[in-house]
Protein backbone atom coordinates (compact mmCIF):
# COMPACT_ATOMS: atom_id res chain seq x y z
CA UNK A 1 -11.12 -14.70 -20.82
CA UNK A 2 -11.16 -12.45 -17.96
CA UNK A 3 -11.75 -13.88 -14.41
CA UNK A 4 -14.64 -12.72 -12.51
CA UNK A 5 -14.37 -10.13 -10.22
CA UNK A 6 -16.63 -9.97 -7.11
CA UNK A 7 -18.75 -7.69 -5.41
CA UNK A 8 -20.28 -8.79 -2.31
CA UNK A 9 -23.74 -7.34 -0.75
CA UNK A 10 -23.11 -3.99 1.30
CA UNK A 11 -21.53 -5.31 4.95
CA UNK A 12 -22.55 -3.21 8.15
CA UNK A 13 -19.73 -1.40 9.78
CA UNK A 14 -22.12 -0.90 13.14
CA UNK A 15 -20.84 -3.63 15.10
CA UNK A 16 -16.99 -2.53 14.46
CA UNK A 17 -15.30 -1.08 17.32
CA UNK A 18 -14.66 2.40 15.55
CA UNK A 19 -11.68 3.34 18.07
CA UNK A 20 -9.41 0.53 16.21
CA UNK A 21 -5.62 1.09 15.79
CA UNK A 22 -5.69 -1.78 13.00
CA UNK A 23 -8.27 -3.27 10.99
CA UNK A 24 -7.95 -6.38 8.85
CA UNK A 25 -10.07 -8.42 6.17
CA UNK A 26 -10.35 -11.74 6.61
CA UNK A 27 -10.82 -14.32 3.90
CA UNK A 28 -11.89 -18.28 5.35
CA UNK A 29 -11.85 -21.25 3.41
CA UNK A 30 -9.77 -19.85 0.57
CA UNK A 31 -9.47 -22.44 -2.33
CA UNK A 32 -6.03 -22.52 -3.81
CA UNK A 33 -6.21 -25.78 -5.90
CA UNK A 34 -6.27 -24.47 -9.16
CA UNK A 35 -4.98 -21.26 -10.46
CA UNK A 36 -2.13 -18.75 -8.96
CA UNK A 37 -3.56 -15.20 -8.59
CA UNK A 38 -3.29 -11.88 -6.62
CA UNK A 39 -6.39 -10.54 -5.20
CA UNK A 40 -7.39 -6.76 -5.31
CA UNK A 41 -9.35 -5.74 -2.09
CA UNK A 42 -11.30 -2.64 -3.16
CA UNK A 43 -13.81 -0.82 -0.29
CA UNK A 44 -16.56 1.15 -1.56
CA UNK A 45 -15.70 1.02 -5.34
CA UNK A 46 -18.02 -1.73 -6.76
CA UNK A 47 -16.68 -0.72 -10.65
CA UNK A 48 -13.16 -2.00 -9.82
CA UNK A 49 -11.43 -3.99 -12.66
CA UNK A 50 -8.14 -5.15 -13.37
CA UNK A 51 -7.66 -1.61 -14.76
CA UNK A 52 -8.36 -0.16 -11.31
CA UNK A 53 -5.48 2.04 -9.90
CA UNK A 54 -4.26 0.84 -6.68
CA UNK A 55 -4.60 4.06 -4.32
CA UNK A 56 -6.93 5.18 -1.67
CA UNK A 57 -8.64 7.22 -3.85
CA UNK A 58 -9.91 4.09 -5.57
CA UNK A 59 -11.11 2.36 -2.57
CA UNK A 60 -7.98 0.14 -2.81
CA UNK A 61 -7.45 -1.48 0.84
CA UNK A 62 -4.71 -4.05 -0.50
CA UNK A 63 -3.94 -7.73 -1.14
CA UNK A 64 -3.17 -11.12 -1.14
CA UNK A 65 -1.77 -13.59 -3.29
CA UNK A 66 -2.05 -17.41 -3.98
CA UNK A 67 0.43 -19.92 -4.91
CA UNK A 68 -2.33 -22.28 -6.84
CA UNK A 69 -1.48 -26.07 -7.38
CA UNK A 70 -2.43 -25.93 -11.01
CA UNK A 71 -5.98 -28.07 -10.95
CA UNK A 72 -5.89 -31.67 -10.06
CA UNK A 73 -3.71 -34.22 -11.98
CA UNK A 74 -4.57 -37.47 -10.28
CA UNK A 75 -7.27 -40.09 -10.52
CA UNK A 76 -10.44 -39.30 -9.58
CA UNK A 77 -11.06 -38.77 -5.63
CA UNK A 78 -7.15 -37.37 -5.41
CA UNK A 79 -7.46 -33.95 -4.28
CA UNK A 80 -10.73 -34.68 -2.33
CA UNK A 81 -9.80 -33.35 1.22
CA UNK A 82 -11.61 -36.27 3.70
CA UNK A 83 -13.88 -34.52 6.37
CA UNK A 84 -12.53 -32.88 9.30
CA UNK A 85 -8.85 -33.60 11.29
CA UNK A 86 -9.40 -34.58 15.08
CA UNK A 87 -7.95 -32.17 17.22
CA UNK A 88 -4.65 -33.30 18.18
CA UNK A 89 -3.89 -35.57 15.34
CA UNK A 90 -0.43 -34.92 14.49
CA UNK A 91 -0.21 -35.86 10.79
CA UNK A 92 -0.19 -32.75 8.54
CA UNK A 93 -2.86 -31.20 6.87
CA UNK A 94 -4.26 -32.35 3.29
CA UNK A 95 -1.96 -30.04 0.82
CA UNK A 96 -5.54 -28.95 -0.70
CA UNK A 97 -6.80 -27.79 3.02
CA UNK A 98 -8.09 -24.38 1.80
CA UNK A 99 -6.90 -21.62 3.61
CA UNK A 100 -7.06 -17.93 5.57
CA UNK A 101 -6.10 -14.85 3.89
CA UNK A 102 -5.51 -10.91 5.90
CA UNK A 103 -5.45 -8.14 3.94
CA UNK A 104 -3.93 -5.66 7.25
CA UNK A 105 -6.56 -2.78 5.79
CA UNK A 106 -6.52 0.21 8.46
CA UNK A 107 -6.59 3.10 6.37
CA UNK A 108 -9.21 1.91 3.96
CA UNK A 109 -11.65 0.80 6.98
CA UNK A 110 -10.83 4.04 7.94
CA UNK A 111 -12.37 5.88 5.46
CA UNK A 112 -14.88 3.38 4.72
CA UNK A 113 -16.34 3.93 8.29
CA UNK A 114 -16.00 7.82 7.59
CA UNK A 115 -18.27 7.48 4.44
CA UNK A 116 -21.18 5.81 6.26
CA UNK A 117 -22.78 2.50 8.53
CA UNK A 118 -22.12 -0.19 4.99
CA UNK A 119 -19.05 -1.21 3.11
CA UNK A 120 -18.89 -2.52 -0.23
CA UNK A 121 -16.01 -5.17 -0.42
CA UNK A 122 -14.99 -5.72 -4.35
CA UNK A 123 -12.13 -8.47 -4.85
CA UNK A 124 -10.35 -7.94 -8.41
CA UNK A 125 -8.69 -11.38 -9.12
CA UNK A 126 -5.60 -11.09 -11.43
CA UNK A 127 -4.34 -14.46 -12.65
CA UNK A 128 -0.60 -14.82 -12.85
CA UNK A 129 -0.44 -18.63 -13.45
CA UNK A 130 -2.54 -21.97 -14.49
CA UNK A 131 -3.18 -24.96 -16.29
CA UNK A 132 -6.14 -26.04 -18.90
CA UNK A 133 -7.34 -28.05 -15.98
CA UNK A 134 -7.70 -24.70 -14.24
CA UNK A 135 -11.58 -22.83 -13.92
CA UNK A 136 -10.19 -19.24 -15.54
CA UNK A 137 -13.55 -17.51 -14.74
CA UNK A 138 -14.84 -18.36 -11.40
CA UNK A 139 -10.65 -17.86 -9.91
CA UNK A 140 -11.55 -16.60 -6.33
CA UNK A 141 -13.32 -19.17 -4.28
CA UNK A 142 -13.78 -18.60 -0.67
CA UNK A 143 -16.42 -19.79 2.32
CA UNK A 144 -16.53 -16.08 4.10
CA UNK A 145 -15.24 -12.66 4.51
CA UNK A 146 -15.08 -10.33 7.72
CA UNK A 147 -13.64 -7.35 9.03
CA UNK A 148 -11.61 -7.66 12.13
CA UNK A 149 -10.53 -4.43 14.39
CA UNK A 150 -8.18 -4.29 17.49
CA UNK A 151 -7.61 -1.80 19.56
């Protein structure tokens, strides 16, 4: 069974500063509790899949990697993250606190801006390791994505 690829609804590029030196695609709240995978990011290629070449012509922007935990092996509640931490709490975060991942995608974002006022982002997860406790269909789980530019 192949992992689900994710094609997001078109995002507006009109609010971006078009005179940028660098552009990043940021993924916030990435779940890393289950499988390990590479997440390949494509712009304006909604048909991208695991066989799509990683080239500028195909809209390839870059990738990020998740070293997953393989699912929960503890008792019920073992892997639950208990609420937000206090601002100056010195203890380490829970090991399953959602991650932030960044793909430096300057060239790909420049090409997308040249193509129009909107961009379609497609993410293709390539599973590299998993256990029977992992959801192999919905591998990539994240809360939000944003494109950030820097002068």
